[in-house]
Amino acid sequence: MLVLNTENDKIQVVLGGAVTTNQLQCYASYRDRTSTTFSAGQNNLNTNDTTDVDLVGAPAASTQRLVDYLSVYNNDTAAAAVTVKLDVSGTERILWKGTVASGGLLTYTEGAGWANVAEDAPGYAINVQAITSSPTDSQTVYFGTLPKAPVTAAATSKVYIRKAGTLKVAEIYCYSGTAGTAESWSLYVRVNNTTDYLIATLAVSASERVFSNAALSIPLAVGDYIEIKGVQPLWATNPLTTIYGGYVYIE
């Protein structure tokens, strides 16, 4: 429980910078207690960029304000740096500080504490694959979730996104019956057939090649689609009977 004891106590919310499109929506519910009365109250308002906003105002004299619930909903189009703080006559104490994702909800609930719903929610993985092929010199190919060989035509192996999030990990296992030589071979995540994000470039001569990247940060909206794009080098000795399998992770 958050308790405001004096006429100088209040809870404020402020952002780390200007919003892109929409101010964040805030709500608070509380109970005021005196020696003789007990009454409920609520407040709803919007943030104001880097200007402090009183989410819960100070109680009246001889009154305790017991805060039951707070929420900050990010209906902006970008993630927001949010600080919720206690202000006592200008002396501030941080209650919560962090990033609320676009579409995310920060809550405080009496008895349960703080929860950053989008941040705490589990992510999900999408498997990708391509069946056996023998890579061609200097060719760009694409594959997705269909059990078929990589193709040279983009936007034909689409993997549609049905839950918005950030693609953070790509792990693609590639095995060739004949390893081939060690020219540089690159795989990318391609978004909406417009933007490429490098997974990894490998210059190894081995049957097993693992294209792995756990430091990606690719924003994806509902309705976007991705493909795995491969840019093949001019090999001295080509790999043969190559098969791909792996996943991308989104949260």
Protein backbone atom coordinates (compact mmCIF):
# COMPACT_ATOMS: atom_id res chain seq x y z
CA MET A 1 0.00 0.00 0.00
CA LEU A 2 1.15 3.51 -0.81
CA VAL A 3 0.22 6.03 1.89
CA LEU A 4 0.21 9.83 1.64
CA ASN A 5 0.27 11.20 5.16
CA THR A 6 0.47 14.98 4.86
CA GLU A 7 -0.72 17.89 2.74
CA ASN A 8 2.76 17.94 1.17
CA ASP A 9 2.73 14.34 -0.13
CA LYS A 10 1.82 13.54 -3.72
CA ILE A 11 2.59 10.95 -6.38
CA GLN A 12 3.76 12.21 -9.74
CA VAL A 13 4.48 10.73 -13.16
CA VAL A 14 6.92 12.12 -15.72
CA LEU A 15 8.41 10.93 -19.00
CA GLY A 16 12.04 10.84 -20.03
CA GLY A 17 11.31 12.71 -23.26
CA ALA A 18 8.62 13.98 -25.59
CA VAL A 19 6.09 11.49 -26.92
CA THR A 20 5.96 10.71 -30.62
CA THR A 21 2.20 10.99 -31.11
CA ASN A 22 0.10 10.47 -27.96
CA GLN A 23 0.54 11.29 -24.29
CA LEU A 24 0.29 8.29 -21.95
CA GLN A 25 -3.01 7.64 -20.15
CA CYS A 26 -2.84 7.52 -16.35
CA TYR A 27 -5.31 6.45 -13.67
CA ALA A 28 -5.31 6.27 -9.87
CA SER A 29 -7.79 5.09 -7.27
CA TYR A 30 -7.44 5.68 -3.54
CA ARG A 31 -9.24 5.93 -0.19
CA ASP A 32 -9.15 8.91 2.17
CA ARG A 33 -9.26 8.15 5.87
CA THR A 34 -9.75 10.54 8.76
CA SER A 35 -10.58 9.85 12.39
CA THR A 36 -14.29 9.86 11.48
CA THR A 37 -14.69 9.25 7.73
CA PHE A 38 -13.58 6.86 5.02
CA SER A 39 -14.22 7.80 1.37
CA ALA A 40 -13.05 6.69 -2.07
CA GLY A 41 -11.58 8.81 -4.85
CA GLN A 42 -10.02 8.51 -8.28
CA ASN A 43 -8.06 10.53 -10.79
CA ASN A 44 -7.44 10.13 -14.53
CA LEU A 45 -5.18 12.30 -16.67
CA ASN A 46 -2.49 12.29 -19.34
CA THR A 47 1.26 12.70 -19.06
CA ASN A 48 2.90 15.95 -20.18
CA ASP A 49 6.26 14.88 -21.64
CA THR A 50 9.06 15.90 -19.25
CA THR A 51 6.80 18.00 -17.01
CA ASP A 52 5.73 16.41 -13.70
CA VAL A 53 2.03 15.54 -13.49
CA ASP A 54 0.26 14.88 -10.18
CA LEU A 55 -1.15 11.39 -10.53
CA VAL A 56 -2.33 11.39 -6.91
CA GLY A 57 -2.66 14.79 -5.30
CA ALA A 58 -1.93 15.57 -1.67
CA PRO A 59 -4.63 14.74 0.91
CA ALA A 60 -6.38 17.34 3.02
CA ALA A 61 -5.23 18.14 6.53
CA SER A 62 -5.57 15.35 9.08
CA THR A 63 -6.22 12.85 6.28
CA GLN A 64 -4.41 9.77 5.13
CA ARG A 65 -4.69 8.97 1.41
CA LEU A 66 -4.35 5.20 0.84
CA VAL A 67 -3.48 4.40 -2.78
CA ASP A 68 -4.98 1.14 -4.03
CA TYR A 69 -4.23 1.23 -7.73
CA LEU A 70 -2.16 3.16 -10.29
CA SER A 71 -1.82 2.59 -14.02
CA VAL A 72 0.07 4.15 -16.91
CA TYR A 73 -1.00 2.97 -20.36
CA ASN A 74 1.31 3.75 -23.26
CA ASN A 75 -0.92 4.47 -26.24
CA ASP A 76 1.92 6.26 -28.01
CA THR A 77 3.53 4.70 -31.08
CA ALA A 78 6.92 4.32 -29.37
CA ALA A 79 8.22 3.00 -26.06
CA ALA A 80 8.33 5.55 -23.25
CA ALA A 81 10.72 6.08 -20.34
CA VAL A 82 8.42 6.48 -17.32
CA THR A 83 9.15 7.58 -13.76
CA VAL A 84 6.60 7.40 -10.95
CA LYS A 85 7.75 9.19 -7.82
CA LEU A 86 6.72 10.44 -4.40
CA ASP A 87 7.12 14.18 -3.95
CA VAL A 88 7.20 15.52 -0.40
CA SER A 89 7.60 19.31 -0.36
CA GLY A 90 9.91 19.06 -3.39
CA THR A 91 11.96 16.13 -2.09
CA GLU A 92 11.47 13.25 -4.50
CA ARG A 93 11.72 9.51 -4.03
CA ILE A 94 11.50 7.14 -7.00
CA LEU A 95 8.72 4.55 -6.70
CA TRP A 96 9.16 3.00 -10.16
CA LYS A 97 11.37 3.79 -13.15
CA GLY A 98 11.69 1.99 -16.45
CA THR A 99 10.46 1.60 -20.01
CA VAL A 100 6.84 0.97 -20.92
CA ALA A 101 6.47 -0.52 -24.39
CA SER A 102 4.07 0.89 -26.96
CA GLY A 103 0.76 -0.70 -26.04
CA GLY A 104 2.16 -1.67 -22.63
CA LEU A 105 0.55 -1.10 -19.24
CA LEU A 106 2.37 -0.26 -16.00
CA THR A 107 0.29 -0.98 -12.89
CA TYR A 108 0.56 -0.75 -9.14
CA THR A 109 -1.96 -2.84 -7.19
CA GLU A 110 -2.25 -2.85 -3.41
CA GLY A 111 -1.07 -6.23 -2.15
CA ALA A 112 0.63 -7.18 -5.44
CA GLY A 113 2.97 -4.26 -6.15
CA TRP A 114 4.25 -3.13 -9.54
CA ALA A 115 3.84 -4.93 -12.85
CA ASN A 116 4.99 -3.84 -16.30
CA VAL A 117 2.52 -5.93 -18.26
CA ALA A 118 4.17 -5.81 -21.70
CA GLU A 119 7.64 -6.26 -20.18
CA ASP A 120 6.60 -9.13 -17.93
CA ALA A 121 4.58 -10.95 -20.58
CA PRO A 122 6.36 -13.92 -22.18
CA GLY A 123 7.70 -13.68 -25.68
CA TYR A 124 7.15 -16.19 -28.42
CA ALA A 125 9.19 -18.02 -31.04
CA ILE A 126 8.49 -18.63 -34.73
CA ASN A 127 10.21 -21.57 -36.35
CA VAL A 128 11.79 -21.20 -39.79
CA GLN A 129 13.06 -23.86 -42.18
CA ALA A 130 14.11 -24.75 -45.69
CA ILE A 131 14.48 -28.24 -47.12
CA THR A 132 17.50 -29.58 -48.97
CA SER A 133 19.11 -27.50 -51.71
CA SER A 134 22.57 -26.97 -53.14
CA PRO A 135 23.45 -23.25 -52.90
CA THR A 136 24.32 -21.40 -56.09
CA ASP A 137 27.21 -18.95 -56.38
CA SER A 138 26.43 -15.24 -55.77
CA GLN A 139 22.71 -15.86 -55.37
CA THR A 140 20.29 -14.18 -52.94
CA VAL A 141 17.64 -16.53 -51.58
CA TYR A 142 14.71 -16.40 -49.17
CA PHE A 143 12.90 -18.84 -46.91
CA GLY A 144 10.34 -18.78 -44.12
CA THR A 145 8.20 -21.44 -42.45
CA LEU A 146 7.19 -23.46 -45.52
CA PRO A 147 8.87 -26.86 -45.99
CA LYS A 148 10.43 -25.99 -49.34
CA ALA A 149 13.83 -25.13 -50.74
CA PRO A 150 14.98 -21.49 -50.58
CA VAL A 151 13.69 -19.36 -53.47
CA THR A 152 15.18 -16.41 -55.32
CA ALA A 153 11.96 -14.38 -55.35
CA ALA A 154 11.43 -12.13 -52.34
CA ALA A 155 8.01 -11.75 -50.68
CA THR A 156 7.01 -15.34 -51.48
CA SER A 157 8.07 -16.96 -48.19
CA LYS A 158 6.26 -14.53 -45.89
CA VAL A 159 5.98 -15.12 -42.15
CA TYR A 160 3.23 -12.78 -40.91
CA ILE A 161 3.34 -11.17 -37.47
CA ARG A 162 0.09 -11.48 -35.50
CA LYS A 163 1.32 -10.11 -32.18
CA ALA A 164 3.36 -6.91 -32.10
CA GLY A 165 6.74 -6.99 -30.42
CA THR A 166 10.48 -6.71 -30.86
CA LEU A 167 12.42 -9.46 -32.59
CA LYS A 168 15.41 -9.99 -30.31
CA VAL A 169 16.95 -13.33 -31.25
CA ALA A 170 17.53 -15.23 -34.49
CA GLU A 171 19.08 -18.69 -34.39
CA ILE A 172 19.47 -20.47 -37.74
CA TYR A 173 21.18 -23.86 -37.97
CA CYS A 174 22.54 -24.74 -41.40
CA TYR A 175 23.94 -28.17 -42.33
CA SER A 176 25.58 -29.10 -45.61
CA GLY A 177 26.44 -32.65 -46.65
CA THR A 178 29.46 -31.12 -48.43
CA ALA A 179 30.86 -28.25 -46.38
CA GLY A 180 32.25 -26.12 -49.17
CA THR A 181 34.95 -23.50 -48.70
CA ALA A 182 35.10 -20.60 -46.25
CA GLU A 183 33.91 -17.59 -48.22
CA SER A 184 31.71 -15.11 -46.28
CA TRP A 185 28.06 -16.18 -46.18
CA SER A 186 25.39 -13.91 -44.63
CA LEU A 187 21.86 -14.40 -43.37
CA TYR A 188 19.43 -11.55 -42.61
CA VAL A 189 15.96 -10.98 -41.23
CA ARG A 190 14.15 -9.09 -43.98
CA VAL A 191 11.07 -7.09 -42.90
CA ASN A 192 8.26 -6.27 -45.32
CA ASN A 193 10.66 -6.83 -48.24
CA THR A 194 12.24 -3.44 -47.50
CA THR A 195 14.64 -3.57 -44.54
CA ASP A 196 17.41 -6.09 -43.81
CA TYR A 197 18.82 -6.84 -40.35
CA LEU A 198 22.00 -8.88 -40.30
CA ILE A 199 21.85 -12.09 -38.28
CA ALA A 200 25.46 -13.12 -38.90
CA THR A 201 28.16 -13.47 -41.52
CA LEU A 202 30.19 -16.68 -41.35
CA ALA A 203 33.43 -17.44 -43.16
CA VAL A 204 33.97 -21.07 -42.20
CA SER A 205 34.43 -24.36 -43.98
CA ALA A 206 32.30 -26.74 -41.94
CA SER A 207 29.22 -28.82 -42.51
CA GLU A 208 27.61 -27.12 -39.52
CA ARG A 209 27.14 -23.36 -39.67
CA VAL A 210 25.13 -21.62 -36.96
CA PHE A 211 23.95 -18.10 -37.79
CA SER A 212 23.11 -16.67 -34.38
CA ASN A 213 22.33 -13.21 -33.05
CA ALA A 214 20.87 -12.52 -29.60
CA ALA A 215 21.35 -8.74 -29.79
CA LEU A 216 18.74 -7.85 -32.38
CA SER A 217 16.11 -5.17 -31.77
CA ILE A 218 13.70 -5.26 -34.69
CA PRO A 219 10.31 -3.56 -34.12
CA LEU A 220 7.40 -5.50 -35.60
CA ALA A 221 3.76 -4.47 -35.87
CA VAL A 222 0.73 -6.65 -36.43
CA GLY A 223 0.51 -7.30 -40.16
CA ASP A 224 4.23 -7.00 -40.84
CA TYR A 225 5.97 -9.98 -42.36
CA ILE A 226 9.50 -11.31 -42.26
CA GLU A 227 11.63 -13.66 -44.34
CA ILE A 228 15.08 -15.09 -43.81
CA LYS A 229 17.35 -13.75 -46.54
CA GLY A 230 20.60 -15.45 -47.52
CA VAL A 231 23.34 -13.75 -49.53
CA GLN A 232 25.60 -16.44 -50.96
CA PRO A 233 29.20 -15.81 -51.99
CA LEU A 234 31.19 -16.99 -54.98
CA TRP A 235 32.58 -20.22 -53.53
CA ALA A 236 35.75 -21.97 -54.62
CA THR A 237 33.96 -25.18 -53.65
CA ASN A 238 30.20 -24.95 -53.19
CA PRO A 239 28.41 -26.48 -50.22
CA LEU A 240 25.99 -29.22 -51.27
CA THR A 241 22.79 -30.76 -49.88
CA THR A 242 22.19 -27.86 -47.50
CA ILE A 243 19.25 -27.68 -45.10
CA TYR A 244 18.17 -24.91 -42.72
CA GLY A 245 16.23 -24.95 -39.46
CA GLY A 246 15.87 -22.49 -36.61
CA TYR A 247 13.73 -19.82 -35.01
CA VAL A 248 13.28 -16.15 -34.32
CA TYR A 249 12.21 -14.93 -30.87
CA ILE A 250 9.87 -11.97 -30.37
CA GLU A 251 8.78 -10.27 -27.15
